[in-house]
Amino acid sequence: MNKPELINAIAEKTALEKNQVEKMLSVFEDIVTDTLKSGGEVTLTGFGTFSAKHRGARMGVNPQNPSEKIQIAAVTVPKFKAGKTLKDALKK
């Protein structure tokens, strides 16, 4: 499911207009992004937790020339940990 399909599904289930759902989804994305940038995490009980994880710098292999070593820079990446309710729902 992509973003437009998600917007349509939410609009159908909530009887809201698509533009309202699109605005709410956009605001949700902005809030999660801003929270992760500031070092926080967003927890939706039962669904999961969005957080940011720091990956340190490390040595890697150049995929175009496997004998060559390259330095991979440190980076902060998003992480999602599924909650118990979501995990249980997928087991059935």
PDB file of N, CA and C in Angstrom:
ATOM      1  N   MET A   1       0.855  -1.179   0.000  1.00  0.00           N
ATOM      2  CA  MET A   1       0.000   0.000   0.000  1.00  0.00           C
ATOM      3  C   MET A   1       0.895   1.235   0.000  1.00  0.00           C
ATOM      4  N   ASN A   2       0.610   2.154  -0.908  1.00  0.00           N
ATOM      5  CA  ASN A   2       1.375   3.398  -0.954  1.00  0.00           C
ATOM      6  C   ASN A   2       0.572   4.512  -0.274  1.00  0.00           C
ATOM      7  N   LYS A   3       1.141   5.711  -0.262  1.00  0.00           N
ATOM      8  CA  LYS A   3       0.524   6.820   0.475  1.00  0.00           C
ATOM      9  C   LYS A   3      -0.878   7.173  -0.034  1.00  0.00           C
ATOM     10  N   PRO A   4      -1.088   7.318  -1.360  1.00  0.00           N
ATOM     11  CA  PRO A   4      -2.452   7.629  -1.828  1.00  0.00           C
ATOM     12  C   PRO A   4      -3.474   6.540  -1.458  1.00  0.00           C
ATOM     13  N   GLU A   5      -3.061   5.280  -1.518  1.00  0.00           N
ATOM     14  CA  GLU A   5      -3.958   4.190  -1.139  1.00  0.00           C
ATOM     15  C   GLU A   5      -4.279   4.247   0.355  1.00  0.00           C
ATOM     16  N   LEU A   6      -3.288   4.586   1.173  1.00  0.00           N
ATOM     17  CA  LEU A   6      -3.512   4.735   2.609  1.00  0.00           C
ATOM     18  C   LEU A   6      -4.487   5.881   2.881  1.00  0.00           C
ATOM     19  N   ILE A   7      -4.310   6.987   2.197  1.00  0.00           N
ATOM     20  CA  ILE A   7      -5.212   8.128   2.365  1.00  0.00           C
ATOM     21  C   ILE A   7      -6.639   7.735   2.004  1.00  0.00           C
ATOM     22  N   ASN A   8      -6.806   7.022   0.893  1.00  0.00           N
ATOM     23  CA  ASN A   8      -8.140   6.578   0.488  1.00  0.00           C
ATOM     24  C   ASN A   8      -8.756   5.644   1.518  1.00  0.00           C
ATOM     25  N   ALA A   9      -7.971   4.706   2.041  1.00  0.00           N
ATOM     26  CA  ALA A   9      -8.476   3.743   3.026  1.00  0.00           C
ATOM     27  C   ALA A   9      -8.906   4.450   4.310  1.00  0.00           C
ATOM     28  N   ILE A  10      -8.101   5.398   4.778  1.00  0.00           N
ATOM     29  CA  ILE A  10      -8.456   6.135   6.001  1.00  0.00           C
ATOM     30  C   ILE A  10      -9.699   6.975   5.758  1.00  0.00           C
ATOM     31  N   ALA A  11      -9.778   7.625   4.600  1.00  0.00           N
ATOM     32  CA  ALA A  11     -10.941   8.455   4.276  1.00  0.00           C
ATOM     33  C   ALA A  11     -12.223   7.624   4.254  1.00  0.00           C
ATOM     34  N   GLU A  12     -12.155   6.420   3.697  1.00  0.00           N
ATOM     35  CA  GLU A  12     -13.325   5.549   3.648  1.00  0.00           C
ATOM     36  C   GLU A  12     -13.757   5.090   5.041  1.00  0.00           C
ATOM     37  N   LYS A  13     -12.788   4.738   5.885  1.00  0.00           N
ATOM     38  CA  LYS A  13     -13.119   4.223   7.217  1.00  0.00           C
ATOM     39  C   LYS A  13     -13.579   5.312   8.178  1.00  0.00           C
ATOM     40  N   THR A  14     -13.144   6.556   7.956  1.00  0.00           N
ATOM     41  CA  THR A  14     -13.466   7.627   8.899  1.00  0.00           C
ATOM     42  C   THR A  14     -14.525   8.591   8.383  1.00  0.00           C
ATOM     43  N   ALA A  15     -14.898   8.475   7.131  1.00  0.00           N
ATOM     44  CA  ALA A  15     -15.851   9.386   6.493  1.00  0.00           C
ATOM     45  C   ALA A  15     -15.331  10.825   6.459  1.00  0.00           C
ATOM     46  N   LEU A  16     -14.014  10.983   6.487  1.00  0.00           N
ATOM     47  CA  LEU A  16     -13.404  12.305   6.335  1.00  0.00           C
ATOM     48  C   LEU A  16     -13.069  12.516   4.867  1.00  0.00           C
ATOM     49  N   GLU A  17     -12.879  13.775   4.496  1.00  0.00           N
ATOM     50  CA  GLU A  17     -12.484  14.085   3.129  1.00  0.00           C
ATOM     51  C   GLU A  17     -11.010  13.736   2.940  1.00  0.00           C
ATOM     52  N   LYS A  18     -10.669  13.372   1.707  1.00  0.00           N
ATOM     53  CA  LYS A  18      -9.290  12.957   1.411  1.00  0.00           C
ATOM     54  C   LYS A  18      -8.281  14.054   1.728  1.00  0.00           C
ATOM     55  N   ASN A  19      -8.627  15.317   1.454  1.00  0.00           N
ATOM     56  CA  ASN A  19      -7.670  16.397   1.723  1.00  0.00           C
ATOM     57  C   ASN A  19      -7.435  16.558   3.225  1.00  0.00           C
ATOM     58  N   GLN A  20      -8.447  16.291   4.054  1.00  0.00           N
ATOM     59  CA  GLN A  20      -8.260  16.347   5.507  1.00  0.00           C
ATOM     60  C   GLN A  20      -7.322  15.232   5.968  1.00  0.00           C
ATOM     61  N   VAL A  21      -7.539  14.036   5.425  1.00  0.00           N
ATOM     62  CA  VAL A  21      -6.701  12.889   5.789  1.00  0.00           C
ATOM     63  C   VAL A  21      -5.272  13.134   5.329  1.00  0.00           C
ATOM     64  N   GLU A  22      -5.103  13.684   4.134  1.00  0.00           N
ATOM     65  CA  GLU A  22      -3.763  13.972   3.613  1.00  0.00           C
ATOM     66  C   GLU A  22      -3.033  14.969   4.513  1.00  0.00           C
ATOM     67  N   LYS A  23      -3.739  16.001   4.982  1.00  0.00           N
ATOM     68  CA  LYS A  23      -3.135  16.986   5.892  1.00  0.00           C
ATOM     69  C   LYS A  23      -2.736  16.333   7.216  1.00  0.00           C
ATOM     70  N   MET A  24      -3.613  15.487   7.760  1.00  0.00           N
ATOM     71  CA  MET A  24      -3.306  14.826   9.033  1.00  0.00           C
ATOM     72  C   MET A  24      -2.104  13.896   8.890  1.00  0.00           C
ATOM     73  N   LEU A  25      -2.040  13.152   7.785  1.00  0.00           N
ATOM     74  CA  LEU A  25      -0.910  12.256   7.569  1.00  0.00           C
ATOM     75  C   LEU A  25       0.382  13.048   7.409  1.00  0.00           C
ATOM     76  N   SER A  26       0.314  14.171   6.725  1.00  0.00           N
ATOM     77  CA  SER A  26       1.484  15.035   6.538  1.00  0.00           C
ATOM     78  C   SER A  26       1.962  15.593   7.878  1.00  0.00           C
ATOM     79  N   VAL A  27       1.022  16.023   8.710  1.00  0.00           N
ATOM     80  CA  VAL A  27       1.376  16.540  10.037  1.00  0.00           C
ATOM     81  C   VAL A  27       1.990  15.429  10.891  1.00  0.00           C
ATOM     82  N   PHE A  28       1.429  14.216  10.817  1.00  0.00           N
ATOM     83  CA  PHE A  28       1.986  13.075  11.554  1.00  0.00           C
ATOM     84  C   PHE A  28       3.435  12.834  11.137  1.00  0.00           C
ATOM     85  N   GLU A  29       3.690  12.825   9.830  1.00  0.00           N
ATOM     86  CA  GLU A  29       5.056  12.624   9.326  1.00  0.00           C
ATOM     87  C   GLU A  29       5.991  13.712   9.848  1.00  0.00           C
ATOM     88  N   ASP A  30       5.535  14.968   9.821  1.00  0.00           N
ATOM     89  CA  ASP A  30       6.352  16.093  10.290  1.00  0.00           C
ATOM     90  C   ASP A  30       6.677  15.960  11.777  1.00  0.00           C
ATOM     91  N   ILE A  31       5.678  15.585  12.570  1.00  0.00           N
ATOM     92  CA  ILE A  31       5.887  15.456  14.017  1.00  0.00           C
ATOM     93  C   ILE A  31       6.869  14.325  14.320  1.00  0.00           C
ATOM     94  N   VAL A  32       6.707  13.187  13.653  1.00  0.00           N
ATOM     95  CA  VAL A  32       7.627  12.064  13.878  1.00  0.00           C
ATOM     96  C   VAL A  32       9.036  12.461  13.460  1.00  0.00           C
ATOM     97  N   THR A  33       9.174  13.093  12.301  1.00  0.00           N
ATOM     98  CA  THR A  33      10.494  13.512  11.812  1.00  0.00           C
ATOM     99  C   THR A  33      11.154  14.493  12.772  1.00  0.00           C
ATOM    100  N   ASP A  34      10.419  15.510  13.202  1.00  0.00           N
ATOM    101  CA  ASP A  34      10.974  16.507  14.116  1.00  0.00           C
ATOM    102  C   ASP A  34      11.366  15.890  15.455  1.00  0.00           C
ATOM    103  N   THR A  35      10.546  14.968  15.953  1.00  0.00           N
ATOM    104  CA  THR A  35      10.845  14.303  17.224  1.00  0.00           C
ATOM    105  C   THR A  35      12.114  13.463  17.109  1.00  0.00           C
ATOM    106  N   LEU A  36      12.260  12.719  16.014  1.00  0.00           N
ATOM    107  CA  LEU A  36      13.458  11.891  15.827  1.00  0.00           C
ATOM    108  C   LEU A  36      14.701  12.763  15.642  1.00  0.00           C
ATOM    109  N   LYS A  37      14.562  13.875  14.930  1.00  0.00           N
ATOM    110  CA  LYS A  37      15.704  14.787  14.746  1.00  0.00           C
ATOM    111  C   LYS A  37      16.198  15.340  16.074  1.00  0.00           C
ATOM    112  N   SER A  38      15.266  15.565  17.006  1.00  0.00           N
ATOM    113  CA  SER A  38      15.658  16.126  18.303  1.00  0.00           C
ATOM    114  C   SER A  38      16.111  15.056  19.289  1.00  0.00           C
ATOM    115  N   GLY A  39      16.179  13.810  18.837  1.00  0.00           N
ATOM    116  CA  GLY A  39      16.691  12.734  19.691  1.00  0.00           C
ATOM    117  C   GLY A  39      15.630  11.997  20.476  1.00  0.00           C
ATOM    118  N   GLY A  40      14.360  12.308  20.256  1.00  0.00           N
ATOM    119  CA  GLY A  40      13.277  11.638  20.973  1.00  0.00           C
ATOM    120  C   GLY A  40      12.789  10.417  20.225  1.00  0.00           C
ATOM    121  N   GLU A  41      11.718   9.828  20.754  1.00  0.00           N
ATOM    122  CA  GLU A  41      11.089   8.706  20.073  1.00  0.00           C
ATOM    123  C   GLU A  41       9.579   8.859  20.180  1.00  0.00           C
ATOM    124  N   VAL A  42       8.877   8.234  19.252  1.00  0.00           N
ATOM    125  CA  VAL A  42       7.416   8.284  19.217  1.00  0.00           C
ATOM    126  C   VAL A  42       6.903   6.872  19.446  1.00  0.00           C
ATOM    127  N   THR A  43       6.110   6.695  20.496  1.00  0.00           N
ATOM    128  CA  THR A  43       5.572   5.389  20.831  1.00  0.00           C
ATOM    129  C   THR A  43       4.063   5.385  20.662  1.00  0.00           C
ATOM    130  N   LEU A  44       3.582   4.477  19.850  1.00  0.00           N
ATOM    131  CA  LEU A  44       2.151   4.248  19.687  1.00  0.00           C
ATOM    132  C   LEU A  44       1.887   2.896  20.339  1.00  0.00           C
ATOM    133  N   THR A  45       1.369   2.921  21.556  1.00  0.00           N
ATOM    134  CA  THR A  45       1.200   1.713  22.350  1.00  0.00           C
ATOM    135  C   THR A  45       0.455   0.646  21.563  1.00  0.00           C
ATOM    136  N   GLY A  46       1.040  -0.535  21.516  1.00  0.00           N
ATOM    137  CA  GLY A  46       0.453  -1.655  20.805  1.00  0.00           C
ATOM    138  C   GLY A  46       0.873  -1.721  19.347  1.00  0.00           C
ATOM    139  N   PHE A  47       1.151  -0.575  18.746  1.00  0.00           N
ATOM    140  CA  PHE A  47       1.534  -0.544  17.334  1.00  0.00           C
ATOM    141  C   PHE A  47       3.048  -0.618  17.174  1.00  0.00           C
ATOM    142  N   GLY A  48       3.771   0.294  17.848  1.00  0.00           N
ATOM    143  CA  GLY A  48       5.220   0.270  17.743  1.00  0.00           C
ATOM    144  C   GLY A  48       5.861   1.580  18.140  1.00  0.00           C
ATOM    145  N   THR A  49       7.190   1.601  18.024  1.00  0.00           N
ATOM    146  CA  THR A  49       7.979   2.767  18.423  1.00  0.00           C
ATOM    147  C   THR A  49       8.902   3.185  17.297  1.00  0.00           C
ATOM    148  N   PHE A  50       8.854   4.476  16.964  1.00  0.00           N
ATOM    149  CA  PHE A  50       9.769   5.068  16.007  1.00  0.00           C
ATOM    150  C   PHE A  50      10.912   5.699  16.808  1.00  0.00           C
ATOM    151  N   SER A  51      12.152   5.429  16.417  1.00  0.00           N
ATOM    152  CA  SER A  51      13.290   6.023  17.097  1.00  0.00           C
ATOM    153  C   SER A  51      14.409   6.266  16.087  1.00  0.00           C
ATOM    154  N   ALA A  52      15.440   6.974  16.529  1.00  0.00           N
ATOM    155  CA  ALA A  52      16.611   7.231  15.695  1.00  0.00           C
ATOM    156  C   ALA A  52      17.787   6.476  16.298  1.00  0.00           C
ATOM    157  N   LYS A  53      18.579   5.860  15.439  1.00  0.00           N
ATOM    158  CA  LYS A  53      19.737   5.091  15.895  1.00  0.00           C
ATOM    159  C   LYS A  53      20.985   5.628  15.202  1.00  0.00           C
ATOM    160  N   HIS A  54      22.034   5.811  15.980  1.00  0.00           N
ATOM    161  CA  HIS A  54      23.301   6.303  15.430  1.00  0.00           C
ATOM    162  C   HIS A  54      24.164   5.116  15.019  1.00  0.00           C
ATOM    163  N   ARG A  55      24.625   5.141  13.778  1.00  0.00           N
ATOM    164  CA  ARG A  55      25.575   4.134  13.294  1.00  0.00           C
ATOM    165  C   ARG A  55      26.935   4.805  13.188  1.00  0.00           C
ATOM    166  N   GLY A  56      27.910   4.231  13.840  1.00  0.00           N
ATOM    167  CA  GLY A  56      29.252   4.794  13.821  1.00  0.00           C
ATOM    168  C   GLY A  56      29.948   4.609  12.481  1.00  0.00           C
ATOM    169  N   ALA A  57      31.019   5.358  12.290  1.00  0.00           N
ATOM    170  CA  ALA A  57      31.820   5.231  11.079  1.00  0.00           C
ATOM    171  C   ALA A  57      32.493   3.859  11.062  1.00  0.00           C
ATOM    172  N   ARG A  58      32.680   3.332   9.866  1.00  0.00           N
ATOM    173  CA  ARG A  58      33.301   2.009   9.758  1.00  0.00           C
ATOM    174  C   ARG A  58      33.947   1.845   8.385  1.00  0.00           C
ATOM    175  N   MET A  59      34.765   0.821   8.273  1.00  0.00           N
ATOM    176  CA  MET A  59      35.399   0.498   6.996  1.00  0.00           C
ATOM    177  C   MET A  59      34.478  -0.450   6.236  1.00  0.00           C
ATOM    178  N   GLY A  60      34.387  -0.255   4.921  1.00  0.00           N
ATOM    179  CA  GLY A  60      33.566  -1.113   4.082  1.00  0.00           C
ATOM    180  C   GLY A  60      34.308  -1.491   2.820  1.00  0.00           C
ATOM    181  N   VAL A  61      33.625  -2.206   1.948  1.00  0.00           N
ATOM    182  CA  VAL A  61      34.221  -2.660   0.697  1.00  0.00           C
ATOM    183  C   VAL A  61      33.533  -1.926  -0.455  1.00  0.00           C
ATOM    184  N   ASN A  62      34.326  -1.433  -1.389  1.00  0.00           N
ATOM    185  CA  ASN A  62      33.795  -0.777  -2.581  1.00  0.00           C
ATOM    186  C   ASN A  62      33.136  -1.844  -3.455  1.00  0.00           C
ATOM    187  N   PRO A  63      31.808  -1.762  -3.707  1.00  0.00           N
ATOM    188  CA  PRO A  63      31.140  -2.793  -4.496  1.00  0.00           C
ATOM    189  C   PRO A  63      31.613  -2.855  -5.955  1.00  0.00           C
ATOM    190  N   GLN A  64      32.164  -1.751  -6.474  1.00  0.00           N
ATOM    191  CA  GLN A  64      32.668  -1.755  -7.848  1.00  0.00           C
ATOM    192  C   GLN A  64      34.076  -2.329  -7.946  1.00  0.00           C
ATOM    193  N   ASN A  65      34.792  -2.328  -6.817  1.00  0.00           N
ATOM    194  CA  ASN A  65      36.150  -2.866  -6.778  1.00  0.00           C
ATOM    195  C   ASN A  65      36.344  -3.528  -5.412  1.00  0.00           C
ATOM    196  N   PRO A  66      35.957  -4.797  -5.260  1.00  0.00           N
ATOM    197  CA  PRO A  66      35.950  -5.456  -3.951  1.00  0.00           C
ATOM    198  C   PRO A  66      37.294  -5.494  -3.218  1.00  0.00           C
ATOM    199  N   SER A  67      38.381  -5.302  -3.921  1.00  0.00           N
ATOM    200  CA  SER A  67      39.673  -5.316  -3.244  1.00  0.00           C
ATOM    201  C   SER A  67      39.978  -3.964  -2.582  1.00  0.00           C
ATOM    202  N   GLU A  68      39.188  -2.963  -2.892  1.00  0.00           N
ATOM    203  CA  GLU A  68      39.408  -1.621  -2.352  1.00  0.00           C
ATOM    204  C   GLU A  68      38.548  -1.395  -1.105  1.00  0.00           C
ATOM    205  N   LYS A  69      39.187  -0.891  -0.049  1.00  0.00           N
ATOM    206  CA  LYS A  69      38.475  -0.562   1.184  1.00  0.00           C
ATOM    207  C   LYS A  69      38.074   0.912   1.142  1.00  0.00           C
ATOM    208  N   ILE A  70      36.880   1.217   1.669  1.00  0.00           N
ATOM    209  CA  ILE A  70      36.429   2.603   1.727  1.00  0.00           C
ATOM    210  C   ILE A  70      35.929   2.918   3.133  1.00  0.00           C
ATOM    211  N   GLN A  71      35.991   4.191   3.499  1.00  0.00           N
ATOM    212  CA  GLN A  71      35.503   4.638   4.796  1.00  0.00           C
ATOM    213  C   GLN A  71      34.026   5.003   4.659  1.00  0.00           C
ATOM    214  N   ILE A  72      33.184   4.414   5.497  1.00  0.00           N
ATOM    215  CA  ILE A  72      31.754   4.735   5.511  1.00  0.00           C
ATOM    216  C   ILE A  72      31.524   5.670   6.686  1.00  0.00           C
ATOM    217  N   ALA A  73      30.937   6.821   6.408  1.00  0.00           N
ATOM    218  CA  ALA A  73      30.746   7.854   7.427  1.00  0.00           C
ATOM    219  C   ALA A  73      29.675   7.459   8.444  1.00  0.00           C
ATOM    220  N   ALA A  74      29.763   8.061   9.622  1.00  0.00           N
ATOM    221  CA  ALA A  74      28.738   7.861  10.655  1.00  0.00           C
ATOM    222  C   ALA A  74      27.432   8.485  10.173  1.00  0.00           C
ATOM    223  N   VAL A  75      26.312   7.884  10.578  1.00  0.00           N
ATOM    224  CA  VAL A  75      25.012   8.373  10.131  1.00  0.00           C
ATOM    225  C   VAL A  75      23.951   8.024  11.177  1.00  0.00           C
ATOM    226  N   THR A  76      22.904   8.822  11.223  1.00  0.00           N
ATOM    227  CA  THR A  76      21.764   8.518  12.081  1.00  0.00           C
ATOM    228  C   THR A  76      20.641   8.021  11.179  1.00  0.00           C
ATOM    229  N   VAL A  77      20.068   6.863  11.521  1.00  0.00           N
ATOM    230  CA  VAL A  77      19.036   6.244  10.694  1.00  0.00           C
ATOM    231  C   VAL A  77      17.751   6.038  11.498  1.00  0.00           C
ATOM    232  N   PRO A  78      16.600   6.052  10.826  1.00  0.00           N
ATOM    233  CA  PRO A  78      15.345   5.789  11.529  1.00  0.00           C
ATOM    234  C   PRO A  78      15.200   4.304  11.829  1.00  0.00           C
ATOM    235  N   LYS A  79      14.495   4.002  12.922  1.00  0.00           N
ATOM    236  CA  LYS A  79      14.285   2.618  13.327  1.00  0.00           C
ATOM    237  C   LYS A  79      12.837   2.483  13.776  1.00  0.00           C
ATOM    238  N   PHE A  80      12.225   1.348  13.469  1.00  0.00           N
ATOM    239  CA  PHE A  80      10.870   1.074  13.929  1.00  0.00           C
ATOM    240  C   PHE A  80      10.862  -0.283  14.611  1.00  0.00           C
ATOM    241  N   LYS A  81      10.318  -0.312  15.822  1.00  0.00           N
ATOM    242  CA  LYS A  81      10.185  -1.570  16.553  1.00  0.00           C
ATOM    243  C   LYS A  81       8.699  -1.841  16.722  1.00  0.00           C
ATOM    244  N   ALA A  82       8.225  -2.950  16.170  1.00  0.00           N
ATOM    245  CA  ALA A  82       6.809  -3.292  16.227  1.00  0.00           C
ATOM    246  C   ALA A  82       6.382  -3.605  17.657  1.00  0.00           C
ATOM    247  N   GLY A  83       5.163  -3.195  18.001  1.00  0.00           N
ATOM    248  CA  GLY A  83       4.596  -3.462  19.317  1.00  0.00           C
ATOM    249  C   GLY A  83       3.954  -4.839  19.380  1.00  0.00           C
ATOM    250  N   LYS A  84       3.615  -5.267  20.585  1.00  0.00           N
ATOM    251  CA  LYS A  84       3.076  -6.600  20.805  1.00  0.00           C
ATOM    252  C   LYS A  84       1.763  -6.826  20.059  1.00  0.00           C
ATOM    253  N   THR A  85       0.862  -5.862  20.083  1.00  0.00           N
ATOM    254  CA  THR A  85      -0.431  -6.023  19.411  1.00  0.00           C
ATOM    255  C   THR A  85      -0.252  -6.226  17.915  1.00  0.00           C
ATOM    256  N   LEU A  86       0.639  -5.456  17.295  1.00  0.00           N
ATOM    257  CA  LEU A  86       0.905  -5.609  15.862  1.00  0.00           C
ATOM    258  C   LEU A  86       1.533  -6.963  15.573  1.00  0.00           C
ATOM    259  N   LYS A  87       2.494  -7.361  16.380  1.00  0.00           N
ATOM    260  CA  LYS A  87       3.126  -8.666  16.183  1.00  0.00           C
ATOM    261  C   LYS A  87       2.117  -9.799  16.306  1.00  0.00           C
ATOM    262  N   ASP A  88       1.261  -9.725  17.329  1.00  0.00           N
ATOM    263  CA  ASP A  88       0.263 -10.766  17.534  1.00  0.00           C
ATOM    264  C   ASP A  88      -0.742 -10.821  16.386  1.00  0.00           C
ATOM    265  N   ALA A  89      -1.117  -9.662  15.844  1.00  0.00           N
ATOM    266  CA  ALA A  89      -2.067  -9.609  14.746  1.00  0.00           C
ATOM    267  C   ALA A  89      -1.513 -10.301  13.496  1.00  0.00           C
ATOM    268  N   LEU A  90      -0.207 -10.206  13.291  1.00  0.00           N
ATOM    269  CA  LEU A  90       0.404 -10.825  12.109  1.00  0.00           C
ATOM    270  C   LEU A  90       0.625 -12.319  12.269  1.00  0.00           C
ATOM    271  N   LYS A  91       0.614 -12.815  13.478  1.00  0.00           N
ATOM    272  CA  LYS A  91       0.825 -14.246  13.726  1.00  0.00           C
ATOM    273  C   LYS A  91      -0.405 -15.066  13.384  1.00  0.00           C
ATOM    274  N   LYS A  92      -1.567 -14.427  13.361  1.00  0.00           N
ATOM    275  CA  LYS A  92      -2.815 -15.173  13.149  1.00  0.00           C
ATOM    276  C   LYS A  92      -3.086 -15.422  11.703  1.00  0.00           C
TER     277      LYS A  92
END
